[in-house]
C-alpha atoms as a PDB file:
ATOM      1  CA  UNK A   1      20.816 113.899  67.793  1.00  0.00           C
ATOM      2  CA  UNK A   2      18.460 111.096  68.850  1.00  0.00           C
ATOM      3  CA  UNK A   3      15.426 113.299  68.129  1.00  0.00           C
ATOM      4  CA  UNK A   4      16.730 114.146  64.646  1.00  0.00           C
ATOM      5  CA  UNK A   5      17.349 110.478  63.845  1.00  0.00           C
ATOM      6  CA  UNK A   6      13.872 109.507  65.049  1.00  0.00           C
ATOM      7  CA  UNK A   7      12.266 112.256  62.972  1.00  0.00           C
ATOM      8  CA  UNK A   8      14.211 111.170  59.870  1.00  0.00           C
ATOM      9  CA  UNK A   9      13.209 107.528  60.356  1.00  0.00           C
ATOM     10  CA  UNK A  10       9.571 108.458  60.883  1.00  0.00           C
ATOM     11  CA  UNK A  11       9.363 110.702  57.794  1.00  0.00           C
ATOM     12  CA  UNK A  12      11.182 108.149  55.651  1.00  0.00           C
ATOM     13  CA  UNK A  13       8.846 105.364  56.776  1.00  0.00           C
ATOM     14  CA  UNK A  14       5.814 107.540  56.136  1.00  0.00           C
ATOM     15  CA  UNK A  15       7.002 108.239  52.594  1.00  0.00           C
ATOM     16  CA  UNK A  16       7.426 104.532  51.877  1.00  0.00           C
ATOM     17  CA  UNK A  17       3.916 103.842  53.162  1.00  0.00           C
ATOM     18  CA  UNK A  18       2.465 106.655  51.021  1.00  0.00           C
ATOM     19  CA  UNK A  19       4.152 105.305  47.923  1.00  0.00           C
ATOM     20  CA  UNK A  20       2.846 101.842  48.670  1.00  0.00           C
ATOM     21  CA  UNK A  21      -0.684 103.191  48.929  1.00  0.00           C
ATOM     22  CA  UNK A  22      -0.588 104.785  45.490  1.00  0.00           C
ATOM     23  CA  UNK A  23       0.566 101.579  43.739  1.00  0.00           C
ATOM     24  CA  UNK A  24      -2.498 100.131  41.996  1.00  0.00           C
ATOM     25  CA  UNK A  25      -3.235  96.453  42.476  1.00  0.00           C
ATOM     26  CA  UNK A  26      -3.304  95.995  38.701  1.00  0.00           C
ATOM     27  CA  UNK A  27      -0.504  98.195  37.422  1.00  0.00           C
ATOM     28  CA  UNK A  28       0.705  99.143  34.017  1.00  0.00           C
ATOM     29  CA  UNK A  29       4.006 100.551  32.764  1.00  0.00           C
ATOM     30  CA  UNK A  30       5.089 102.577  29.751  1.00  0.00           C
ATOM     31  CA  UNK A  31       7.224 102.148  26.681  1.00  0.00           C
ATOM     32  CA  UNK A  32       8.969 105.436  27.427  1.00  0.00           C
ATOM     33  CA  UNK A  33      11.025 104.507  30.477  1.00  0.00           C
ATOM     34  CA  UNK A  34      10.793 107.814  32.274  1.00  0.00           C
ATOM     35  CA  UNK A  35      11.428 107.800  35.985  1.00  0.00           C
ATOM     36  CA  UNK A  36      12.828 110.075  38.666  1.00  0.00           C
ATOM     37  CA  UNK A  37      12.725 113.867  38.919  1.00  0.00           C
ATOM     38  CA  UNK A  38      15.039 115.631  36.429  1.00  0.00           C
ATOM     39  CA  UNK A  39      14.947 118.891  38.392  1.00  0.00           C
ATOM     40  CA  UNK A  40      16.295 117.463  41.651  1.00  0.00           C
ATOM     41  CA  UNK A  41      18.695 115.234  39.700  1.00  0.00           C
ATOM     42  CA  UNK A  42      20.261 117.927  37.513  1.00  0.00           C
ATOM     43  CA  UNK A  43      19.811 121.052  39.647  1.00  0.00           C
ATOM     44  CA  UNK A  44      19.862 119.745  43.205  1.00  0.00           C
ATOM     45  CA  UNK A  45      17.504 120.656  46.027  1.00  0.00           C
ATOM     46  CA  UNK A  46      18.391 124.371  45.923  1.00  0.00           C
ATOM     47  CA  UNK A  47      15.725 124.959  43.270  1.00  0.00           C
ATOM     48  CA  UNK A  48      14.823 128.535  44.234  1.00  0.00           C
ATOM     49  CA  UNK A  49      18.125 130.396  44.427  1.00  0.00           C
ATOM     50  CA  UNK A  50      17.592 133.988  43.286  1.00  0.00           C
ATOM     51  CA  UNK A  51      19.456 134.833  40.081  1.00  0.00           C
ATOM     52  CA  UNK A  52      21.032 131.375  39.795  1.00  0.00           C
ATOM     53  CA  UNK A  53      21.832 130.230  36.248  1.00  0.00           C
ATOM     54  CA  UNK A  54      22.576 126.520  35.835  1.00  0.00           C
ATOM     55  CA  UNK A  55      23.650 124.359  32.932  1.00  0.00           C
ATOM     56  CA  UNK A  56      23.674 120.562  33.185  1.00  0.00           C
ATOM     57  CA  UNK A  57      24.536 117.673  30.887  1.00  0.00           C
ATOM     58  CA  UNK A  58      23.276 114.172  31.689  1.00  0.00           C
ATOM     59  CA  UNK A  59      23.731 110.709  30.210  1.00  0.00           C
ATOM     60  CA  UNK A  60      21.217 107.919  30.841  1.00  0.00           C
ATOM     61  CA  UNK A  61      21.336 104.296  29.691  1.00  0.00           C
ATOM     62  CA  UNK A  62      18.137 102.229  29.663  1.00  0.00           C
ATOM     63  CA  UNK A  63      17.533  98.634  28.561  1.00  0.00           C
ATOM     64  CA  UNK A  64      14.199  96.847  28.253  1.00  0.00           C
ATOM     65  CA  UNK A  65      12.338  94.222  26.217  1.00  0.00           C
ATOM     66  CA  UNK A  66       8.703  93.555  25.395  1.00  0.00           C
ATOM     67  CA  UNK A  67       6.581  91.068  23.500  1.00  0.00           C
ATOM     68  CA  UNK A  68       6.155  87.271  23.727  1.00  0.00           C
ATOM     69  CA  UNK A  69       9.314  85.138  23.317  1.00  0.00           C
ATOM     70  CA  UNK A  70       8.649  84.271  19.662  1.00  0.00           C
ATOM     71  CA  UNK A  71       8.486  87.951  18.671  1.00  0.00           C
ATOM     72  CA  UNK A  72      10.266  89.723  21.506  1.00  0.00           C
ATOM     73  CA  UNK A  73      11.690  93.180  20.875  1.00  0.00           C
ATOM     74  CA  UNK A  74      14.600  94.501  22.938  1.00  0.00           C
ATOM     75  CA  UNK A  75      15.800  98.071  23.134  1.00  0.00           C
ATOM     76  CA  UNK A  76      18.915  99.789  24.436  1.00  0.00           C
ATOM     77  CA  UNK A  77      18.672 103.557  24.664  1.00  0.00           C
ATOM     78  CA  UNK A  78      21.411 106.052  25.494  1.00  0.00           C
ATOM     79  CA  UNK A  79      20.229 109.634  25.946  1.00  0.00           C
ATOM     80  CA  UNK A  80      22.309 112.776  26.391  1.00  0.00           C
ATOM     81  CA  UNK A  81      20.279 115.694  27.776  1.00  0.00           C
ATOM     82  CA  UNK A  82      21.247 119.350  28.094  1.00  0.00           C
ATOM     83  CA  UNK A  83      19.384 121.277  30.808  1.00  0.00           C
ATOM     84  CA  UNK A  84      19.315 125.055  31.257  1.00  0.00           C
ATOM     85  CA  UNK A  85      17.698 126.704  34.279  1.00  0.00           C
ATOM     86  CA  UNK A  86      17.308 130.232  35.604  1.00  0.00           C
ATOM     87  CA  UNK A  87      15.705 131.401  38.862  1.00  0.00           C
ATOM     88  CA  UNK A  88      13.761 134.674  38.849  1.00  0.00           C
ATOM     89  CA  UNK A  89      13.866 135.889  42.429  1.00  0.00           C
ATOM     90  CA  UNK A  90      13.276 133.148  44.974  1.00  0.00           C
ATOM     91  CA  UNK A  91       9.834 132.020  43.767  1.00  0.00           C
ATOM     92  CA  UNK A  92      10.100 131.119  40.069  1.00  0.00           C
ATOM     93  CA  UNK A  93      12.457 128.753  38.249  1.00  0.00           C
ATOM     94  CA  UNK A  94      12.263 128.164  34.477  1.00  0.00           C
ATOM     95  CA  UNK A  95      13.811 125.019  32.999  1.00  0.00           C
ATOM     96  CA  UNK A  96      14.484 123.836  29.424  1.00  0.00           C
ATOM     97  CA  UNK A  97      15.647 120.287  28.606  1.00  0.00           C
ATOM     98  CA  UNK A  98      16.882 119.165  25.176  1.00  0.00           C
ATOM     99  CA  UNK A  99      17.633 115.422  24.782  1.00  0.00           C
ATOM    100  CA  UNK A 100      19.515 113.619  22.010  1.00  0.00           C
ATOM    101  CA  UNK A 101      18.826 109.898  21.770  1.00  0.00           C
ATOM    102  CA  UNK A 102      20.831 106.908  20.525  1.00  0.00           C
ATOM    103  CA  UNK A 103      18.706 103.755  20.175  1.00  0.00           C
ATOM    104  CA  UNK A 104      19.358 100.147  19.239  1.00  0.00           C
ATOM    105  CA  UNK A 105      16.210  98.090  18.601  1.00  0.00           C
ATOM    106  CA  UNK A 106      16.523  94.324  18.075  1.00  0.00           C
ATOM    107  CA  UNK A 107      13.652  92.140  16.895  1.00  0.00           C
ATOM    108  CA  UNK A 108      13.172  88.857  15.050  1.00  0.00           C
ATOM    109  CA  UNK A 109      12.327  88.863  11.345  1.00  0.00           C
ATOM    110  CA  UNK A 110      11.361  85.359  10.145  1.00  0.00           C
ATOM    111  CA  UNK A 111      13.219  83.931  13.121  1.00  0.00           C
ATOM    112  CA  UNK A 112      16.399  85.887  12.344  1.00  0.00           C
ATOM    113  CA  UNK A 113      17.442  88.678  14.774  1.00  0.00           C
ATOM    114  CA  UNK A 114      17.530  92.081  13.124  1.00  0.00           C
ATOM    115  CA  UNK A 115      18.925  95.236  14.747  1.00  0.00           C
ATOM    116  CA  UNK A 116      18.028  98.804  13.879  1.00  0.00           C
ATOM    117  CA  UNK A 117      20.277 101.620  15.130  1.00  0.00           C
ATOM    118  CA  UNK A 118      19.026 105.197  15.143  1.00  0.00           C
ATOM    119  CA  UNK A 119      19.962 108.525  16.647  1.00  0.00           C
ATOM    120  CA  UNK A 120      18.525 111.999  16.587  1.00  0.00           C
ATOM    121  CA  UNK A 121      16.942 114.849  18.489  1.00  0.00           C
ATOM    122  CA  UNK A 122      14.375 113.648  21.005  1.00  0.00           C
ATOM    123  CA  UNK A 123      11.533 115.846  22.312  1.00  0.00           C
ATOM    124  CA  UNK A 124      12.602 119.066  24.116  1.00  0.00           C
ATOM    125  CA  UNK A 125      10.517 120.062  27.096  1.00  0.00           C
ATOM    126  CA  UNK A 126       9.975 123.296  28.981  1.00  0.00           C
ATOM    127  CA  UNK A 127       8.573 123.744  32.466  1.00  0.00           C
ATOM    128  CA  UNK A 128       8.351 126.105  35.403  1.00  0.00           C
ATOM    129  CA  UNK A 129       8.571 125.643  39.161  1.00  0.00           C
ATOM    130  CA  UNK A 130       6.608 128.196  41.195  1.00  0.00           C
ATOM    131  CA  UNK A 131       6.978 128.294  44.964  1.00  0.00           C
ATOM    132  CA  UNK A 132       3.581 128.252  46.645  1.00  0.00           C
ATOM    133  CA  UNK A 133       4.772 128.476  50.241  1.00  0.00           C
ATOM    134  CA  UNK A 134       7.960 128.561  52.247  1.00  0.00           C
ATOM    135  CA  UNK A 135       8.796 128.756  55.931  1.00  0.00           C
ATOM    136  CA  UNK A 136      10.357 131.966  57.294  1.00  0.00           C
ATOM    137  CA  UNK A 137      14.108 132.504  56.982  1.00  0.00           C
ATOM    138  CA  UNK A 138      16.120 131.107  59.890  1.00  0.00           C
ATOM    139  CA  UNK A 139      19.577 132.349  60.853  1.00  0.00           C
ATOM    140  CA  UNK A 140      22.311 130.054  59.571  1.00  0.00           C
ATOM    141  CA  UNK A 141      19.830 127.778  57.788  1.00  0.00           C
ATOM    142  CA  UNK A 142      17.668 129.814  55.429  1.00  0.00           C
ATOM    143  CA  UNK A 143      14.233 128.494  54.537  1.00  0.00           C
ATOM    144  CA  UNK A 144      13.752 125.108  56.152  1.00  0.00           C
ATOM    145  CA  UNK A 145      10.687 124.112  54.099  1.00  0.00           C
ATOM    146  CA  UNK A 146       9.091 124.943  50.761  1.00  0.00           C
ATOM    147  CA  UNK A 147       6.257 123.602  48.602  1.00  0.00           C
ATOM    148  CA  UNK A 148       5.993 124.313  44.882  1.00  0.00           C
ATOM    149  CA  UNK A 149       3.887 123.596  41.813  1.00  0.00           C
ATOM    150  CA  UNK A 150       5.277 122.499  38.458  1.00  0.00           C
ATOM    151  CA  UNK A 151       3.705 122.940  35.010  1.00  0.00           C
ATOM    152  CA  UNK A 152       5.232 122.172  31.640  1.00  0.00           C
ATOM    153  CA  UNK A 153       5.011 120.889  28.100  1.00  0.00           C
ATOM    154  CA  UNK A 154       6.921 118.282  26.109  1.00  0.00           C
ATOM    155  CA  UNK A 155       7.120 119.395  22.500  1.00  0.00           C
ATOM    156  CA  UNK A 156       6.758 117.198  19.382  1.00  0.00           C
ATOM    157  CA  UNK A 157       9.974 118.619  17.914  1.00  0.00           C
ATOM    158  CA  UNK A 158      12.018 115.417  18.107  1.00  0.00           C
ATOM    159  CA  UNK A 159      12.560 113.224  15.048  1.00  0.00           C
ATOM    160  CA  UNK A 160       9.734 110.701  14.629  1.00  0.00           C
ATOM    161  CA  UNK A 161       9.790 110.064  10.881  1.00  0.00           C
ATOM    162  CA  UNK A 162      13.039 108.140  10.380  1.00  0.00           C
ATOM    163  CA  UNK A 163      12.808 105.550   7.605  1.00  0.00           C
ATOM    164  CA  UNK A 164      14.755 102.440   6.658  1.00  0.00           C
ATOM    165  CA  UNK A 165      16.582 101.696   3.382  1.00  0.00           C
ATOM    166  CA  UNK A 166      13.234 100.732   1.822  1.00  0.00           C
ATOM    167  CA  UNK A 167      11.753 104.145   2.627  1.00  0.00           C
ATOM    168  CA  UNK A 168       9.282 102.710   5.154  1.00  0.00           C
ATOM    169  CA  UNK A 169       8.981 104.475   8.523  1.00  0.00           C
ATOM    170  CA  UNK A 170      10.853 102.643  11.265  1.00  0.00           C
ATOM    171  CA  UNK A 171       9.191 101.112  14.322  1.00  0.00           C
ATOM    172  CA  UNK A 172       7.715 103.614  16.769  1.00  0.00           C
ATOM    173  CA  UNK A 173      10.189 102.609  19.478  1.00  0.00           C
ATOM    174  CA  UNK A 174      13.160 103.203  17.167  1.00  0.00           C
ATOM    175  CA  UNK A 175      12.174 106.859  16.688  1.00  0.00           C
ATOM    176  CA  UNK A 176      14.144 109.383  18.798  1.00  0.00           C
ATOM    177  CA  UNK A 177      10.993 111.444  19.440  1.00  0.00           C
ATOM    178  CA  UNK A 178       7.352 110.592  20.047  1.00  0.00           C
ATOM    179  CA  UNK A 179       5.821 113.172  17.687  1.00  0.00           C
ATOM    180  CA  UNK A 180       3.249 114.177  20.306  1.00  0.00           C
ATOM    181  CA  UNK A 181       2.634 117.198  22.497  1.00  0.00           C
ATOM    182  CA  UNK A 182       2.370 116.241  26.172  1.00  0.00           C
ATOM    183  CA  UNK A 183       1.481 118.480  29.097  1.00  0.00           C
ATOM    184  CA  UNK A 184       2.340 117.780  32.712  1.00  0.00           C
ATOM    185  CA  UNK A 185       1.804 119.208  36.169  1.00  0.00           C
ATOM    186  CA  UNK A 186       2.755 118.309  39.691  1.00  0.00           C
ATOM    187  CA  UNK A 187       3.870 119.295  43.162  1.00  0.00           C
ATOM    188  CA  UNK A 188       7.279 119.294  44.825  1.00  0.00           C
ATOM    189  CA  UNK A 189       8.599 119.899  48.301  1.00  0.00           C
ATOM    190  CA  UNK A 190      11.732 120.181  50.412  1.00  0.00           C
ATOM    191  CA  UNK A 191      12.419 119.905  54.152  1.00  0.00           C
ATOM    192  CA  UNK A 192      15.768 120.680  55.765  1.00  0.00           C
ATOM    193  CA  UNK A 193      16.357 118.324  58.677  1.00  0.00           C
ATOM    194  CA  UNK A 194      19.592 120.023  59.753  1.00  0.00           C
ATOM    195  CA  UNK A 195      22.574 121.763  58.135  1.00  0.00           C
ATOM    196  CA  UNK A 196      23.802 118.440  56.761  1.00  0.00           C
ATOM    197  CA  UNK A 197      20.689 116.564  55.660  1.00  0.00           C
ATOM    198  CA  UNK A 198      17.346 117.094  53.950  1.00  0.00           C
ATOM    199  CA  UNK A 199      14.265 115.389  52.540  1.00  0.00           C
ATOM    200  CA  UNK A 200      12.708 116.157  49.163  1.00  0.00           C
ATOM    201  CA  UNK A 201       9.940 114.759  46.998  1.00  0.00           C
ATOM    202  CA  UNK A 202       7.651 115.335  44.047  1.00  0.00           C
ATOM    203  CA  UNK A 203       4.626 113.919  42.236  1.00  0.00           C
ATOM    204  CA  UNK A 204       3.693 114.519  38.609  1.00  0.00           C
ATOM    205  CA  UNK A 205       1.039 113.486  36.085  1.00  0.00           C
ATOM    206  CA  UNK A 206       1.592 113.563  32.299  1.00  0.00           C
ATOM    207  CA  UNK A 207      -1.198 113.812  29.750  1.00  0.00           C
ATOM    208  CA  UNK A 208       0.291 112.309  26.600  1.00  0.00           C
ATOM    209  CA  UNK A 209      -0.858 113.345  23.141  1.00  0.00           C
ATOM    210  CA  UNK A 210      -1.249 111.426  19.872  1.00  0.00           C
ATOM    211  CA  UNK A 211       1.211 111.782  17.006  1.00  0.00           C
ATOM    212  CA  UNK A 212       0.351 112.105  13.304  1.00  0.00           C
ATOM    213  CA  UNK A 213       0.623 108.317  12.899  1.00  0.00           C
ATOM    214  CA  UNK A 214      -2.099 107.662  15.489  1.00  0.00           C
ATOM    215  CA  UNK A 215       0.277 106.400  18.187  1.00  0.00           C
ATOM    216  CA  UNK A 216      -0.204 107.526  21.788  1.00  0.00           C
ATOM    217  CA  UNK A 217       2.061 106.529  24.651  1.00  0.00           C
ATOM    218  CA  UNK A 218       0.239 105.771  27.888  1.00  0.00           C
ATOM    219  CA  UNK A 219      -0.357 108.548  30.383  1.00  0.00           C
ATOM    220  CA  UNK A 220       2.157 108.632  33.217  1.00  0.00           C
ATOM    221  CA  UNK A 221       2.149 109.214  36.969  1.00  0.00           C
ATOM    222  CA  UNK A 222       5.482 109.716  38.738  1.00  0.00           C
ATOM    223  CA  UNK A 223       6.248 109.909  42.466  1.00  0.00           C
ATOM    224  CA  UNK A 224       9.695 110.511  43.955  1.00  0.00           C
ATOM    225  CA  UNK A 225      11.040 110.738  47.492  1.00  0.00           C
ATOM    226  CA  UNK A 226      14.659 111.297  48.525  1.00  0.00           C
ATOM    227  CA  UNK A 227      17.011 111.778  51.457  1.00  0.00           C
ATOM    228  CA  UNK A 228      20.264 113.712  51.004  1.00  0.00           C
ATOM    229  CA  UNK A 229      23.157 113.711  53.463  1.00  0.00           C
ATOM    230  CA  UNK A 230      26.465 115.596  53.373  1.00  0.00           C
ATOM    231  CA  UNK A 231      29.370 113.214  53.904  1.00  0.00           C
ATOM    232  CA  UNK A 232      31.896 116.040  54.018  1.00  0.00           C
ATOM    233  CA  UNK A 233      32.747 119.354  52.338  1.00  0.00           C
ATOM    234  CA  UNK A 234      32.957 117.711  48.905  1.00  0.00           C
ATOM    235  CA  UNK A 235      30.726 114.609  48.773  1.00  0.00           C
ATOM    236  CA  UNK A 236      26.944 114.278  49.227  1.00  0.00           C
ATOM    237  CA  UNK A 237      25.026 110.998  49.224  1.00  0.00           C
ATOM    238  CA  UNK A 238      21.396 110.650  48.155  1.00  0.00           C
ATOM    239  CA  UNK A 239      18.965 107.747  48.417  1.00  0.00           C
ATOM    240  CA  UNK A 240      15.701 107.937  46.468  1.00  0.00           C
ATOM    241  CA  UNK A 241      12.530 105.990  45.798  1.00  0.00           C
ATOM    242  CA  UNK A 242      11.273 106.555  42.231  1.00  0.00           C
ATOM    243  CA  UNK A 243       7.845 105.213  41.272  1.00  0.00           C
ATOM    244  CA  UNK A 244       6.184 105.191  37.844  1.00  0.00           C
ATOM    245  CA  UNK A 245       2.757 104.112  36.669  1.00  0.00           C
ATOM    246  CA  UNK A 246       1.662 104.355  33.037  1.00  0.00           C
ATOM    247  CA  UNK A 247      -1.297 103.335  30.939  1.00  0.00           C
ATOM    248  CA  UNK A 248      -1.118 101.091  27.890  1.00  0.00           C
ATOM    249  CA  UNK A 249      -0.034 102.575  24.567  1.00  0.00           C
ATOM    250  CA  UNK A 250      -2.601 103.158  21.826  1.00  0.00           C
ATOM    251  CA  UNK A 251      -1.073 101.903  18.574  1.00  0.00           C
ATOM    252  CA  UNK A 252      -3.262 103.562  15.918  1.00  0.00           C
ATOM    253  CA  UNK A 253      -6.338 105.699  15.267  1.00  0.00           C
ATOM    254  CA  UNK A 254      -8.630 102.677  15.765  1.00  0.00           C
ATOM    255  CA  UNK A 255      -7.904 102.839  19.507  1.00  0.00           C
ATOM    256  CA  UNK A 256      -6.204  99.426  19.646  1.00  0.00           C
ATOM    257  CA  UNK A 257      -4.019  98.977  22.741  1.00  0.00           C
ATOM    258  CA  UNK A 258      -0.610  97.319  22.946  1.00  0.00           C
ATOM    259  CA  UNK A 259      -1.001  94.658  25.685  1.00  0.00           C
ATOM    260  CA  UNK A 260       2.772  94.573  26.283  1.00  0.00           C
ATOM    261  CA  UNK A 261       2.965  98.172  27.466  1.00  0.00           C
ATOM    262  CA  UNK A 262       1.865  99.846  30.668  1.00  0.00           C
ATOM    263  CA  UNK A 263       2.380  98.972  34.317  1.00  0.00           C
ATOM    264  CA  UNK A 264       4.051 100.002  37.544  1.00  0.00           C
ATOM    265  CA  UNK A 265       7.654  99.943  38.625  1.00  0.00           C
ATOM    266  CA  UNK A 266       9.473 101.140  41.748  1.00  0.00           C
ATOM    267  CA  UNK A 267      13.185 101.946  41.715  1.00  0.00           C
ATOM    268  CA  UNK A 268      15.599 102.389  44.599  1.00  0.00           C
ATOM    269  CA  UNK A 269      18.197 104.929  43.512  1.00  0.00           C
ATOM    270  CA  UNK A 270      21.513 105.606  45.259  1.00  0.00           C
ATOM    271  CA  UNK A 271      23.258 108.759  43.999  1.00  0.00           C
ATOM    272  CA  UNK A 272      26.614 110.386  44.734  1.00  0.00           C
ATOM    273  CA  UNK A 273      27.376 114.083  44.187  1.00  0.00           C
ATOM    274  CA  UNK A 274      30.937 115.445  44.149  1.00  0.00           C
ATOM    275  CA  UNK A 275      31.674 119.168  44.372  1.00  0.00           C
ATOM    276  CA  UNK A 276      34.531 119.738  41.904  1.00  0.00           C
ATOM    277  CA  UNK A 277      34.881 123.411  42.763  1.00  0.00           C
ATOM    278  CA  UNK A 278      34.377 126.440  40.557  1.00  0.00           C
ATOM    279  CA  UNK A 279      30.624 125.858  40.421  1.00  0.00           C
ATOM    280  CA  UNK A 280      30.887 122.319  38.993  1.00  0.00           C
ATOM    281  CA  UNK A 281      29.157 119.307  40.570  1.00  0.00           C
ATOM    282  CA  UNK A 282      29.524 115.765  39.185  1.00  0.00           C
ATOM    283  CA  UNK A 283      26.748 113.219  39.713  1.00  0.00           C
ATOM    284  CA  UNK A 284      26.335 109.464  39.276  1.00  0.00           C
ATOM    285  CA  UNK A 285      23.428 107.155  40.099  1.00  0.00           C
ATOM    286  CA  UNK A 286      21.793 103.861  39.281  1.00  0.00           C
ATOM    287  CA  UNK A 287      18.039 103.217  39.329  1.00  0.00           C
ATOM    288  CA  UNK A 288      17.544  99.662  40.582  1.00  0.00           C
ATOM    289  CA  UNK A 289      14.094  98.131  39.891  1.00  0.00           C
ATOM    290  CA  UNK A 290      12.786  96.538  43.085  1.00  0.00           C
ATOM    291  CA  UNK A 291       9.059  96.167  42.361  1.00  0.00           C
ATOM    292  CA  UNK A 292       7.539  95.416  38.961  1.00  0.00           C
ATOM    293  CA  UNK A 293       3.956  94.876  37.911  1.00  0.00           C
ATOM    294  CA  UNK A 294       4.083  95.170  34.141  1.00  0.00           C
ATOM    295  CA  UNK A 295       1.428  94.253  31.588  1.00  0.00           C
ATOM    296  CA  UNK A 296       1.974  91.336  29.258  1.00  0.00           C
ATOM    297  CA  UNK A 297       5.539  90.441  28.339  1.00  0.00           C
ATOM    298  CA  UNK A 298       7.930  93.125  29.565  1.00  0.00           C
ATOM    299  CA  UNK A 299      11.247  93.411  31.372  1.00  0.00           C
ATOM    300  CA  UNK A 300      13.085  96.519  32.513  1.00  0.00           C
ATOM    301  CA  UNK A 301      16.648  96.559  33.781  1.00  0.00           C
ATOM    302  CA  UNK A 302      18.561  99.026  35.939  1.00  0.00           C
ATOM    303  CA  UNK A 303      19.059 102.524  34.525  1.00  0.00           C
ATOM    304  CA  UNK A 304      22.533 104.059  34.786  1.00  0.00           C
ATOM    305  CA  UNK A 305      22.910 107.829  34.932  1.00  0.00           C
ATOM    306  CA  UNK A 306      25.762 110.330  35.191  1.00  0.00           C
ATOM    307  CA  UNK A 307      25.933 114.083  34.824  1.00  0.00           C
ATOM    308  CA  UNK A 308      27.702 117.370  35.362  1.00  0.00           C
ATOM    309  CA  UNK A 309      26.118 120.620  36.570  1.00  0.00           C
ATOM    310  CA  UNK A 310      27.619 124.120  36.393  1.00  0.00           C
ATOM    311  CA  UNK A 311      26.129 126.940  38.468  1.00  0.00           C
ATOM    312  CA  UNK A 312      26.922 130.647  38.163  1.00  0.00           C
END
């Protein structure tokens, strides 16, 4: 028991140090507040389970503001995402995610606050996890360790041309979708400490595209590390570190940058999973920002998340 605890403490400390090393001294954050790993969140750590078909529904609430005080813009976004996953054998997992976004954007027009509410299909994305290596099967445990690669694409299929009563296209941040094609790739891994606890992590880079209006969200790097522990036959507890770095947004075809976008942020994320039986697992978490180094005038608040996964 003492050896297991020491190993857990050592690996956890090493992960924190590694994350600290990748945080740039001059960081930048993004206007799309993406953070965490949707695969581990929605599907759990049993990513490569042969023939497993999973359906998940998640709700996320994000709140942020940007811009100097005299022209600050605040945004509240609620997103409902449907995730479908299927494992082919024990080496390949295909995932599709379709989000629907509800946004409320508040800004000042001639000193008078003005709120714009929108909703619509956001950008679906499709990706694959391919297992590169795994340790041999062990009796009563299975595969203790695996390492995988992830590749995917975010489509431009979400709505990005919503207009106001005057027929003019609404602000970029009020649009449910980005209108751009993004590609992403990364690595993920899992290590089973014992029958009741495990470590998992991932890193990903996103190459963001430009939409037809010349807007390009900053490129994104994500790093995640988590520890999961069974508290009993029904409840699991998870503690994660979720890091995001992003470049500044490009606002038009001239290449002009938005100085109030881009930066780094590190979240500490406690999560609870409850096995409801019959293949259903309920999840709830909160991403708490603990380190911020954001460009210009920006604030980001905690992100609340809840979901339900069905496996069969």
